[in-house]
């Protein structure tokens, strides 16, 4: 039991492996001047008992991790000295001086890295184009397959010795604009089918390219959570050798499935809710829908509300974690739960709900522009209770 804000909560044991997501390879707020050091980030993973660090990666068409400015992503993972990222002249007190070699830091601490490899996106002739780039870049689904194969095989040939698991793309239905606005993704009619067919073949290409080079690499594919099941079905039908199901699930999803009285936690409207929505544990639903496949929760978290106080948000962040973990524990095929994310992506300016995902926040950022780390209630609780992990 744990007492918070005058209330007593059960401490839910986490009987699955825990991980933390982050952007150590490609997001300025994880490594730039003013950020906390990789050493601090690593210690936080250790303190909460995390066994996995999920890192998103961009590559070129041949699967090579980007190594040039501005992110130096390759060196953020595999650098061996500050000179690799041009920081040899920085003082020892600048956290960025130590923000290289995340792979080696995690490896030394016994923490595995799950790379999420982004698809090769955008129309090279019109980089600002929306999801129409699927057809602009890839004339046919076979062309998309060929590029996925080239990227996947190249990536694993170069880095297969470093990564035992690979996540293929990220929330394609959202980030690559596959959905047409006619539904949540449970039926083919909810998609731009020309984009969908190319996306499915692209992921099939990544999978077959990886397995051609390294048959023992464990692969997984994710969707954003609510509820692109037709995309997942289509990918697994095209590429049945994908080993695991990856799913993303946030407080708005969890609130709605539990039919909470708090309307702020539910998605607006009921028109996109499947008629057959009669279950209240998404992870058991996934386990039943895809028998024989272990389920990884590669993103889960709490969506901050600008209408609540910092303290109220911290409390709701904690209770949401407890609710989701309880359901994940009770699912038959759940295996690893990766909280998203380690650090706040806080910037000055208008409120953005994704600013506050992190276990570590920066309440003074608006005033200082500096990341003075504050471990939120959930982070402190995890540190105190890691004996459950």
Protein backbone atom coordinates (compact mmCIF):
# COMPACT_ATOMS: atom_id res chain seq x y z
CA UNK A 1 0.00 0.00 0.00
CA UNK A 2 1.15 3.54 -0.66
CA UNK A 3 -0.35 6.80 0.64
CA UNK A 4 -0.62 9.71 -1.78
CA UNK A 5 -2.43 13.01 -1.35
CA UNK A 6 -4.43 11.63 1.55
CA UNK A 7 -5.46 8.47 -0.32
CA UNK A 8 -4.14 4.94 -0.02
CA UNK A 9 -3.39 2.94 -3.17
CA UNK A 10 -2.43 -0.66 -3.67
CA UNK A 11 1.07 -1.13 -4.98
CA UNK A 12 0.60 -3.13 -8.17
CA UNK A 13 3.50 -5.58 -8.64
CA UNK A 14 5.00 -5.38 -12.11
CA UNK A 15 5.46 -9.01 -13.10
CA UNK A 16 6.58 -8.15 -16.63
CA UNK A 17 9.86 -6.53 -17.64
CA UNK A 18 9.84 -2.73 -17.54
CA UNK A 19 11.49 -0.38 -20.03
CA UNK A 20 11.67 3.36 -20.67
CA UNK A 21 11.39 5.05 -24.05
CA UNK A 22 13.53 8.02 -25.03
CA UNK A 23 15.11 9.98 -27.86
CA UNK A 24 18.79 9.76 -26.95
CA UNK A 25 19.82 9.49 -30.60
CA UNK A 26 17.85 12.23 -32.30
CA UNK A 27 16.10 14.77 -30.06
CA UNK A 28 17.85 17.92 -28.93
CA UNK A 29 16.26 18.01 -25.48
CA UNK A 30 17.89 14.67 -24.67
CA UNK A 31 21.45 15.78 -25.31
CA UNK A 32 21.91 19.47 -26.09
CA UNK A 33 23.39 22.22 -23.97
CA UNK A 34 21.07 22.66 -21.00
CA UNK A 35 19.97 19.02 -20.98
CA UNK A 36 20.70 16.45 -18.31
CA UNK A 37 23.59 14.13 -19.02
CA UNK A 38 23.38 10.60 -20.37
CA UNK A 39 24.89 9.51 -17.05
CA UNK A 40 21.90 10.99 -15.20
CA UNK A 41 19.51 9.41 -17.68
CA UNK A 42 21.16 6.01 -17.32
CA UNK A 43 21.09 6.18 -13.54
CA UNK A 44 17.37 6.88 -13.66
CA UNK A 45 16.81 3.74 -15.76
CA UNK A 46 18.86 1.76 -13.26
CA UNK A 47 17.04 3.25 -10.27
CA UNK A 48 13.56 2.38 -11.56
CA UNK A 49 14.66 -1.14 -12.52
CA UNK A 50 14.28 -0.74 -16.30
CA UNK A 51 15.56 -3.63 -18.40
CA UNK A 52 14.97 -1.97 -21.79
CA UNK A 53 15.69 1.40 -23.38
CA UNK A 54 13.60 2.07 -26.50
CA UNK A 55 15.32 4.49 -28.90
CA UNK A 56 13.94 5.77 -32.20
CA UNK A 57 16.38 5.76 -35.12
CA UNK A 58 16.43 7.25 -38.58
CA UNK A 59 18.55 5.67 -41.29
CA UNK A 60 19.43 6.29 -44.90
CA UNK A 61 17.98 4.11 -47.66
CA UNK A 62 20.66 1.49 -46.99
CA UNK A 63 19.91 1.19 -43.27
CA UNK A 64 22.86 3.23 -42.02
CA UNK A 65 22.16 5.27 -38.88
CA UNK A 66 22.61 8.98 -39.49
CA UNK A 67 26.05 10.14 -38.39
CA UNK A 68 26.20 13.78 -39.44
CA UNK A 69 25.00 17.07 -37.95
CA UNK A 70 22.75 18.11 -36.39
CA UNK A 71 22.00 14.96 -34.39
CA UNK A 72 25.04 12.73 -34.91
CA UNK A 73 22.70 9.84 -34.12
CA UNK A 74 25.29 7.12 -34.75
CA UNK A 75 27.69 8.71 -32.29
CA UNK A 76 24.95 9.31 -29.73
CA UNK A 77 24.70 5.51 -29.69
CA UNK A 78 28.19 4.31 -30.53
CA UNK A 79 30.54 7.24 -29.99
CA UNK A 80 33.60 6.60 -27.83
CA UNK A 81 34.79 10.13 -27.12
CA UNK A 82 33.41 13.68 -26.99
CA UNK A 83 35.32 14.43 -30.19
CA UNK A 84 32.88 12.20 -32.07
CA UNK A 85 30.17 14.83 -31.64
CA UNK A 86 32.42 17.89 -31.75
CA UNK A 87 32.26 18.69 -28.04
CA UNK A 88 35.92 18.25 -27.09
CA UNK A 89 36.17 21.92 -26.11
CA UNK A 90 33.15 21.87 -23.79
CA UNK A 91 33.83 22.11 -20.05
CA UNK A 92 33.34 19.04 -17.88
CA UNK A 93 30.32 20.71 -16.29
CA UNK A 94 28.39 20.73 -19.56
CA UNK A 95 26.19 17.63 -19.61
CA UNK A 96 26.36 17.43 -23.38
CA UNK A 97 30.06 16.53 -23.19
CA UNK A 98 29.04 13.11 -21.91
CA UNK A 99 26.10 12.57 -24.23
CA UNK A 100 27.58 9.98 -26.54
CA UNK A 101 27.82 6.19 -26.45
CA UNK A 102 24.31 5.48 -25.10
CA UNK A 103 24.54 1.90 -26.36
CA UNK A 104 27.74 1.23 -24.43
CA UNK A 105 26.43 2.87 -21.27
CA UNK A 106 23.28 0.74 -21.35
CA UNK A 107 25.18 -2.40 -22.25
CA UNK A 108 27.53 -1.97 -19.29
CA UNK A 109 24.51 -1.60 -16.99
CA UNK A 110 22.79 -4.72 -18.33
CA UNK A 111 20.05 -2.73 -20.09
CA UNK A 112 18.98 -3.81 -23.58
CA UNK A 113 18.24 -1.30 -26.33
CA UNK A 114 15.17 -1.73 -28.53
CA UNK A 115 15.76 0.26 -31.73
CA UNK A 116 12.64 1.56 -33.44
CA UNK A 117 13.71 1.93 -37.08
CA UNK A 118 11.69 4.57 -38.91
CA UNK A 119 10.50 3.94 -42.45
CA UNK A 120 12.05 5.95 -45.28
CA UNK A 121 9.44 8.68 -45.47
CA UNK A 122 8.59 11.70 -47.60
CA UNK A 123 8.60 12.46 -51.29
CA UNK A 124 12.20 13.33 -52.24
CA UNK A 125 10.86 15.89 -54.71
CA UNK A 126 8.44 17.42 -52.21
CA UNK A 127 9.65 16.83 -48.64
CA UNK A 128 6.73 18.70 -47.13
CA UNK A 129 4.11 16.50 -48.75
CA UNK A 130 1.60 14.78 -46.50
CA UNK A 131 0.89 11.02 -46.64
CA UNK A 132 0.60 11.22 -50.43
CA UNK A 133 4.37 10.61 -50.50
CA UNK A 134 3.63 6.88 -50.30
CA UNK A 135 2.52 6.93 -53.92
CA UNK A 136 4.89 9.71 -54.98
CA UNK A 137 7.94 7.86 -53.73
CA UNK A 138 6.85 4.28 -54.40
CA UNK A 139 5.11 3.79 -57.72
CA UNK A 140 3.94 0.30 -56.75
CA UNK A 141 3.71 -1.78 -53.57
CA UNK A 142 6.64 -3.81 -54.94
CA UNK A 143 8.75 -0.65 -54.95
CA UNK A 144 7.87 -0.10 -51.30
CA UNK A 145 8.79 -3.72 -50.52
CA UNK A 146 12.15 -3.29 -52.26
CA UNK A 147 13.00 -0.20 -50.20
CA UNK A 148 11.94 -1.87 -46.96
CA UNK A 149 14.07 -4.90 -47.81
CA UNK A 150 17.09 -2.73 -48.64
CA UNK A 151 16.76 -0.78 -45.39
CA UNK A 152 16.08 -3.79 -43.17
CA UNK A 153 18.84 -5.98 -44.56
CA UNK A 154 21.34 -3.13 -44.49
CA UNK A 155 20.46 -2.15 -40.93
CA UNK A 156 20.80 -5.61 -39.48
CA UNK A 157 23.98 -6.36 -41.44
CA UNK A 158 25.56 -3.26 -39.92
CA UNK A 159 24.18 -3.44 -36.37
CA UNK A 160 22.82 -6.94 -35.85
CA UNK A 161 25.59 -7.68 -33.36
CA UNK A 162 24.29 -4.81 -31.21
CA UNK A 163 20.55 -5.42 -31.22
CA UNK A 164 18.68 -8.64 -30.52
CA UNK A 165 15.26 -7.03 -31.16
CA UNK A 166 14.07 -4.50 -33.77
CA UNK A 167 10.79 -2.58 -33.96
CA UNK A 168 9.67 -1.95 -37.53
CA UNK A 169 8.40 1.62 -37.98
CA UNK A 170 6.24 3.67 -35.66
CA UNK A 171 2.50 4.32 -35.66
CA UNK A 172 2.30 4.28 -39.44
CA UNK A 173 -1.45 4.86 -39.47
CA UNK A 174 -0.87 8.24 -37.82
CA UNK A 175 2.59 9.45 -38.76
CA UNK A 176 2.39 8.40 -42.39
CA UNK A 177 -1.28 9.37 -42.79
CA UNK A 178 -2.78 6.03 -43.71
CA UNK A 179 -6.19 6.71 -42.15
CA UNK A 180 -8.72 8.59 -44.27
CA UNK A 181 -10.89 9.93 -41.45
CA UNK A 182 -13.74 7.45 -41.93
CA UNK A 183 -12.95 5.33 -38.88
CA UNK A 184 -10.40 4.29 -36.32
CA UNK A 185 -8.70 1.64 -38.44
CA UNK A 186 -10.69 -1.53 -37.83
CA UNK A 187 -11.72 -1.90 -41.51
CA UNK A 188 -10.04 -1.47 -44.88
CA UNK A 189 -12.51 1.31 -45.73
CA UNK A 190 -10.88 3.45 -42.99
CA UNK A 191 -7.63 3.75 -45.00
CA UNK A 192 -6.26 5.31 -48.13
CA UNK A 193 -5.84 1.88 -49.65
CA UNK A 194 -3.04 2.85 -52.04
CA UNK A 195 -0.98 4.08 -49.08
CA UNK A 196 -2.00 1.13 -46.92
CA UNK A 197 -0.93 -1.47 -49.48
CA UNK A 198 2.47 0.20 -49.86
CA UNK A 199 2.97 0.48 -46.10
CA UNK A 200 2.16 -3.19 -45.59
CA UNK A 201 4.61 -4.24 -48.30
CA UNK A 202 7.26 -1.89 -46.92
CA UNK A 203 7.08 -3.56 -43.50
CA UNK A 204 7.08 -6.97 -45.16
CA UNK A 205 10.25 -5.91 -46.95
CA UNK A 206 11.92 -4.77 -43.72
CA UNK A 207 10.99 -8.06 -42.06
CA UNK A 208 12.21 -10.27 -44.88
CA UNK A 209 15.38 -8.21 -45.30
CA UNK A 210 16.23 -8.54 -41.62
CA UNK A 211 15.48 -12.26 -41.47
CA UNK A 212 17.47 -12.95 -44.67
CA UNK A 213 20.58 -11.63 -42.93
CA UNK A 214 19.83 -12.54 -39.32
CA UNK A 215 17.08 -15.16 -38.93
CA UNK A 216 17.26 -15.05 -35.13
CA UNK A 217 16.61 -11.32 -34.76
CA UNK A 218 13.33 -10.75 -32.91
CA UNK A 219 11.06 -8.31 -34.75
CA UNK A 220 7.84 -6.51 -33.85
CA UNK A 221 5.39 -4.08 -35.43
CA UNK A 222 3.31 -1.47 -33.61
CA UNK A 223 0.13 0.52 -34.01
CA UNK A 224 -0.95 3.63 -32.13
CA UNK A 225 -3.52 1.82 -30.03
CA UNK A 226 -7.01 3.04 -30.99
CA UNK A 227 -7.69 0.90 -32.96
CA UNK A 228 -5.89 0.15 -36.20
CA UNK A 229 -6.40 -3.58 -35.95
CA UNK A 230 -6.88 -3.94 -39.71
CA UNK A 231 -3.38 -2.57 -40.28
CA UNK A 232 -1.93 -5.03 -37.76
CA UNK A 233 -3.92 -7.89 -39.32
CA UNK A 234 -2.69 -6.96 -42.81
CA UNK A 235 0.97 -6.70 -41.79
CA UNK A 236 0.91 -10.04 -39.98
CA UNK A 237 -0.81 -11.71 -42.91
CA UNK A 238 1.85 -10.36 -45.30
CA UNK A 239 4.77 -10.97 -42.93
CA UNK A 240 3.79 -13.81 -40.55
CA UNK A 241 7.39 -14.26 -39.40
CA UNK A 242 7.20 -11.02 -37.37
CA UNK A 243 7.76 -12.37 -33.89
CA UNK A 244 5.84 -10.08 -31.54
CA UNK A 245 2.93 -7.66 -31.38
CA UNK A 246 3.82 -4.13 -30.27
CA UNK A 247 1.04 -1.83 -29.06
CA UNK A 248 0.79 1.75 -27.81
CA UNK A 249 -1.70 2.65 -25.10
CA UNK A 250 -2.20 5.97 -23.31
CA UNK A 251 -4.47 7.32 -20.61
CA UNK A 252 -7.12 8.50 -23.08
CA UNK A 253 -7.39 4.95 -24.45
CA UNK A 254 -7.42 3.39 -20.99
CA UNK A 255 -9.96 5.88 -19.71
CA UNK A 256 -12.32 5.19 -22.55
CA UNK A 257 -12.11 1.43 -22.38
CA UNK A 258 -12.88 1.61 -18.68
CA UNK A 259 -15.74 4.02 -19.46
CA UNK A 260 -14.44 6.39 -16.81
CA UNK A 261 -16.68 9.18 -15.59
CA UNK A 262 -13.85 11.61 -16.33
CA UNK A 263 -14.80 12.79 -19.82
CA UNK A 264 -11.40 14.47 -20.24
CA UNK A 265 -9.80 11.04 -20.46
CA UNK A 266 -12.02 9.84 -23.31
CA UNK A 267 -11.72 10.42 -26.99
CA UNK A 268 -14.52 12.67 -28.30
CA UNK A 269 -17.57 11.01 -29.76
CA UNK A 270 -18.56 7.36 -30.05
CA UNK A 271 -18.81 7.09 -33.82
CA UNK A 272 -15.40 5.40 -34.13
CA UNK A 273 -15.89 2.95 -31.29
CA UNK A 274 -16.25 -0.60 -32.65
CA UNK A 275 -19.71 -2.05 -32.17
CA UNK A 276 -18.14 -5.17 -30.68
CA UNK A 277 -16.28 -3.20 -28.02
CA UNK A 278 -17.36 -5.28 -25.03
CA UNK A 279 -14.04 -6.01 -23.33
CA UNK A 280 -12.25 -3.89 -20.73
CA UNK A 281 -8.67 -5.17 -21.01
CA UNK A 282 -7.03 -4.24 -24.30
CA UNK A 283 -4.10 -6.58 -23.72
CA UNK A 284 -6.22 -9.67 -23.27
CA UNK A 285 -8.05 -8.64 -26.44
CA UNK A 286 -4.71 -8.48 -28.27
CA UNK A 287 -3.60 -11.82 -26.83
CA UNK A 288 -6.82 -13.44 -27.99
CA UNK A 289 -6.76 -11.81 -31.43
CA UNK A 290 -3.15 -12.80 -32.13
CA UNK A 291 -2.64 -16.13 -30.33
CA UNK A 292 0.90 -17.36 -30.15
CA UNK A 293 2.41 -13.86 -30.35
CA UNK A 294 3.88 -12.25 -27.25
CA UNK A 295 2.73 -8.68 -26.68
CA UNK A 296 5.06 -5.76 -26.01
CA UNK A 297 3.66 -2.48 -24.83
CA UNK A 298 6.30 -0.32 -26.52
CA UNK A 299 4.66 2.96 -25.53
CA UNK A 300 2.31 3.67 -22.66
CA UNK A 301 1.82 6.75 -20.59
CA UNK A 302 -0.30 9.58 -19.31
CA UNK A 303 -1.54 12.55 -21.32
CA UNK A 304 -1.09 15.69 -19.25
CA UNK A 305 -4.02 18.09 -18.90
CA UNK A 306 -3.53 21.83 -19.02
CA UNK A 307 -6.70 22.17 -16.93
CA UNK A 308 -5.27 20.35 -13.92
CA UNK A 309 -2.61 21.44 -11.47
CA UNK A 310 0.86 19.95 -11.60
CA UNK A 311 0.04 17.96 -8.45
CA UNK A 312 -3.23 16.66 -9.88
CA UNK A 313 -1.49 15.59 -13.08
CA UNK A 314 1.19 13.78 -11.10
CA UNK A 315 -1.47 11.90 -9.15
CA UNK A 316 -3.38 10.94 -12.30
CA UNK A 317 -0.14 9.90 -14.00
CA UNK A 318 0.45 7.49 -11.12
CA UNK A 319 -3.07 6.03 -11.07
CA UNK A 320 -3.06 5.62 -14.86
CA UNK A 321 0.20 3.68 -14.64
CA UNK A 322 -1.32 1.42 -11.98
CA UNK A 323 -4.43 0.80 -14.09
CA UNK A 324 -2.57 -0.06 -17.28
CA UNK A 325 0.02 -2.25 -15.54
CA UNK A 326 -2.73 -4.14 -13.72
CA UNK A 327 -4.37 -4.99 -17.06
CA UNK A 328 -1.04 -5.85 -18.68
CA UNK A 329 -0.15 -8.15 -15.78
CA UNK A 330 -3.46 -9.94 -16.21
CA UNK A 331 -3.02 -10.59 -19.93
CA UNK A 332 -1.85 -14.03 -20.96
CA UNK A 333 0.75 -12.97 -23.55
CA UNK A 334 2.06 -9.66 -22.15
CA UNK A 335 5.85 -9.64 -21.92
CA UNK A 336 7.50 -6.17 -21.73
CA UNK A 337 5.99 -2.76 -20.87
CA UNK A 338 7.95 0.32 -21.97
CA UNK A 339 6.88 3.60 -20.41
CA UNK A 340 6.98 6.64 -22.66
CA UNK A 341 9.03 8.40 -21.82
CA UNK A 342 12.11 9.06 -19.68
CA UNK A 343 12.39 12.85 -20.01
CA UNK A 344 9.92 15.62 -20.62
CA UNK A 345 10.20 17.16 -24.07
CA UNK A 346 9.47 20.55 -22.58
CA UNK A 347 9.78 23.65 -24.73
CA UNK A 348 8.69 27.20 -24.12
CA UNK A 349 5.52 28.45 -25.74
CA UNK A 350 2.02 27.09 -26.08
CA UNK A 351 0.91 24.03 -24.13
CA UNK A 352 1.54 20.71 -25.84
CA UNK A 353 0.33 17.60 -24.07
CA UNK A 354 3.33 15.60 -25.26
CA UNK A 355 5.69 17.98 -23.46
CA UNK A 356 4.88 16.31 -20.16
CA UNK A 357 5.09 12.59 -20.92
CA UNK A 358 8.40 12.20 -19.09
CA UNK A 359 9.04 10.61 -15.71
CA UNK A 360 11.58 13.39 -15.20
CA UNK A 361 10.25 16.91 -15.61
CA UNK A 362 11.49 20.48 -15.57
CA UNK A 363 8.99 22.71 -13.74
CA UNK A 364 11.30 25.72 -14.09
CA UNK A 365 11.90 25.37 -17.82
CA UNK A 366 9.56 28.17 -18.88
CA UNK A 367 11.46 30.59 -16.67
CA UNK A 368 15.01 29.35 -17.15
CA UNK A 369 15.23 27.46 -20.44
CA UNK A 370 17.33 24.92 -18.52
CA UNK A 371 16.60 21.34 -17.59
CA UNK A 372 16.84 21.20 -13.82
CA UNK A 373 15.52 17.66 -13.33
CA UNK A 374 12.62 16.91 -11.05
CA UNK A 375 11.62 13.28 -10.58
CA UNK A 376 7.87 13.06 -10.71
CA UNK A 377 5.84 11.08 -8.21
CA UNK A 378 5.65 8.01 -10.47
CA UNK A 379 9.41 8.03 -10.96
CA UNK A 380 10.02 8.24 -7.22
CA UNK A 381 7.55 5.44 -6.57
CA UNK A 382 9.20 3.19 -9.16
CA UNK A 383 12.58 3.80 -7.57
CA UNK A 384 11.21 2.83 -4.17
CA UNK A 385 9.41 -0.27 -5.47
CA UNK A 386 11.79 -1.71 -8.05
CA UNK A 387 11.91 -4.89 -5.98
CA UNK A 388 8.69 -5.77 -7.82
CA UNK A 389 10.35 -5.70 -11.24
